[in-house]
């Protein structure tokens, strides 16, 4: 799912991960570490500045069975909401 609206979706976010300033593969590596500490059904909010995350985050979700609830881009910042599977 892709959203480009300026308003943030209304998800019950349990955990936030800020990967601002980091480049591939660091954002995905940090996401792997973060989801290890989370339970199925929880929502992870990821903030990134690496354009490669637009490709990597959906693949991460697909490969690991997580649901990409929302994907947004605004002013060079990428915002993802992921429900753990």
C-alpha atoms as a PDB file:
ATOM      1  CA  UNK A   1       0.000   0.000   0.000  1.00  0.00           C
ATOM      2  CA  UNK A   2       1.325   3.454  -0.856  1.00  0.00           C
ATOM      3  CA  UNK A   3       0.137   6.758   0.527  1.00  0.00           C
ATOM      4  CA  UNK A   4       1.433  10.160  -0.480  1.00  0.00           C
ATOM      5  CA  UNK A   5      -0.878  12.256   1.688  1.00  0.00           C
ATOM      6  CA  UNK A   6       0.621  14.715   4.118  1.00  0.00           C
ATOM      7  CA  UNK A   7      -1.361  13.344   7.061  1.00  0.00           C
ATOM      8  CA  UNK A   8      -0.114  10.301   8.917  1.00  0.00           C
ATOM      9  CA  UNK A   9      -2.297   7.211   9.070  1.00  0.00           C
ATOM     10  CA  UNK A  10      -3.988   6.478  12.362  1.00  0.00           C
ATOM     11  CA  UNK A  11      -2.335   3.207  13.401  1.00  0.00           C
ATOM     12  CA  UNK A  12      -1.693   2.121  16.950  1.00  0.00           C
ATOM     13  CA  UNK A  13       2.112   2.253  16.792  1.00  0.00           C
ATOM     14  CA  UNK A  14       3.861   0.253  19.480  1.00  0.00           C
ATOM     15  CA  UNK A  15       7.457   0.843  18.353  1.00  0.00           C
ATOM     16  CA  UNK A  16       9.188   3.540  16.303  1.00  0.00           C
ATOM     17  CA  UNK A  17      12.516   3.146  14.515  1.00  0.00           C
ATOM     18  CA  UNK A  18      14.333   6.216  13.177  1.00  0.00           C
ATOM     19  CA  UNK A  19      16.897   5.332  10.514  1.00  0.00           C
ATOM     20  CA  UNK A  20      17.348   8.917   9.318  1.00  0.00           C
ATOM     21  CA  UNK A  21      20.791   9.440   7.789  1.00  0.00           C
ATOM     22  CA  UNK A  22      21.527   5.721   7.398  1.00  0.00           C
ATOM     23  CA  UNK A  23      21.996   3.993   4.056  1.00  0.00           C
ATOM     24  CA  UNK A  24      21.552   0.465   2.764  1.00  0.00           C
ATOM     25  CA  UNK A  25      21.913  -2.035   4.343  1.00  0.00           C
ATOM     26  CA  UNK A  26      21.718  -0.360   7.779  1.00  0.00           C
ATOM     27  CA  UNK A  27      17.963   0.500   7.847  1.00  0.00           C
ATOM     28  CA  UNK A  28      16.991  -3.102   7.058  1.00  0.00           C
ATOM     29  CA  UNK A  29      19.511  -4.510   9.531  1.00  0.00           C
ATOM     30  CA  UNK A  30      18.077  -2.290  12.274  1.00  0.00           C
ATOM     31  CA  UNK A  31      14.538  -3.360  11.305  1.00  0.00           C
ATOM     32  CA  UNK A  32      15.555  -7.024  11.655  1.00  0.00           C
ATOM     33  CA  UNK A  33      16.893  -6.319  15.145  1.00  0.00           C
ATOM     34  CA  UNK A  34      13.827  -4.313  16.171  1.00  0.00           C
ATOM     35  CA  UNK A  35      11.217  -6.888  15.056  1.00  0.00           C
ATOM     36  CA  UNK A  36      12.980  -9.587  17.100  1.00  0.00           C
ATOM     37  CA  UNK A  37      11.814  -7.767  20.223  1.00  0.00           C
ATOM     38  CA  UNK A  38       8.228  -7.346  18.991  1.00  0.00           C
ATOM     39  CA  UNK A  39       5.164  -9.596  18.924  1.00  0.00           C
ATOM     40  CA  UNK A  40       2.915 -10.555  16.002  1.00  0.00           C
ATOM     41  CA  UNK A  41       0.236  -7.921  15.429  1.00  0.00           C
ATOM     42  CA  UNK A  42       2.288  -5.020  16.778  1.00  0.00           C
ATOM     43  CA  UNK A  43       2.906  -2.053  14.480  1.00  0.00           C
ATOM     44  CA  UNK A  44       6.382  -0.726  13.719  1.00  0.00           C
ATOM     45  CA  UNK A  45       6.797   2.818  12.416  1.00  0.00           C
ATOM     46  CA  UNK A  46       9.999   3.315  10.411  1.00  0.00           C
ATOM     47  CA  UNK A  47      11.368   6.710   9.411  1.00  0.00           C
ATOM     48  CA  UNK A  48      14.091   6.723   6.745  1.00  0.00           C
ATOM     49  CA  UNK A  49      15.943   9.037   4.360  1.00  0.00           C
ATOM     50  CA  UNK A  50      17.480   6.351   2.127  1.00  0.00           C
ATOM     51  CA  UNK A  51      15.561   6.124  -1.181  1.00  0.00           C
ATOM     52  CA  UNK A  52      16.554   2.423  -1.394  1.00  0.00           C
ATOM     53  CA  UNK A  53      14.076   1.737   1.421  1.00  0.00           C
ATOM     54  CA  UNK A  54      11.235   2.194  -1.086  1.00  0.00           C
ATOM     55  CA  UNK A  55      12.419  -1.073  -2.601  1.00  0.00           C
ATOM     56  CA  UNK A  56      13.887  -2.781   0.469  1.00  0.00           C
ATOM     57  CA  UNK A  57      11.074  -2.323   3.014  1.00  0.00           C
ATOM     58  CA  UNK A  58       8.327  -3.893   0.853  1.00  0.00           C
ATOM     59  CA  UNK A  59      10.662  -6.826   0.083  1.00  0.00           C
ATOM     60  CA  UNK A  60      11.490  -7.152   3.795  1.00  0.00           C
ATOM     61  CA  UNK A  61       7.769  -7.343   4.601  1.00  0.00           C
ATOM     62  CA  UNK A  62       6.988  -9.791   1.817  1.00  0.00           C
ATOM     63  CA  UNK A  63       9.893 -12.085   2.637  1.00  0.00           C
ATOM     64  CA  UNK A  64       9.196 -12.178   6.398  1.00  0.00           C
ATOM     65  CA  UNK A  65       5.385 -12.245   6.249  1.00  0.00           C
ATOM     66  CA  UNK A  66       4.749  -8.764   7.657  1.00  0.00           C
ATOM     67  CA  UNK A  67       2.009  -6.435   6.388  1.00  0.00           C
ATOM     68  CA  UNK A  68       3.075  -3.086   4.951  1.00  0.00           C
ATOM     69  CA  UNK A  69       0.164  -0.940   6.126  1.00  0.00           C
ATOM     70  CA  UNK A  70       1.369   2.356   4.693  1.00  0.00           C
ATOM     71  CA  UNK A  71       4.298   3.791   2.757  1.00  0.00           C
ATOM     72  CA  UNK A  72       4.718   7.563   2.394  1.00  0.00           C
ATOM     73  CA  UNK A  73       7.315   9.964   1.035  1.00  0.00           C
ATOM     74  CA  UNK A  74       7.572  13.657   1.796  1.00  0.00           C
ATOM     75  CA  UNK A  75      10.502  16.047   1.445  1.00  0.00           C
ATOM     76  CA  UNK A  76      13.107  13.272   1.237  1.00  0.00           C
ATOM     77  CA  UNK A  77      11.741  11.393   4.242  1.00  0.00           C
ATOM     78  CA  UNK A  78      10.151   7.972   3.927  1.00  0.00           C
ATOM     79  CA  UNK A  79       7.617   6.718   6.433  1.00  0.00           C
ATOM     80  CA  UNK A  80       6.511   3.097   6.777  1.00  0.00           C
ATOM     81  CA  UNK A  81       3.957   1.430   9.012  1.00  0.00           C
ATOM     82  CA  UNK A  82       4.410  -2.331   9.309  1.00  0.00           C
ATOM     83  CA  UNK A  83       2.186  -4.815  11.142  1.00  0.00           C
ATOM     84  CA  UNK A  84       4.218  -7.819  12.232  1.00  0.00           C
ATOM     85  CA  UNK A  85       3.023 -11.184  10.993  1.00  0.00           C
END
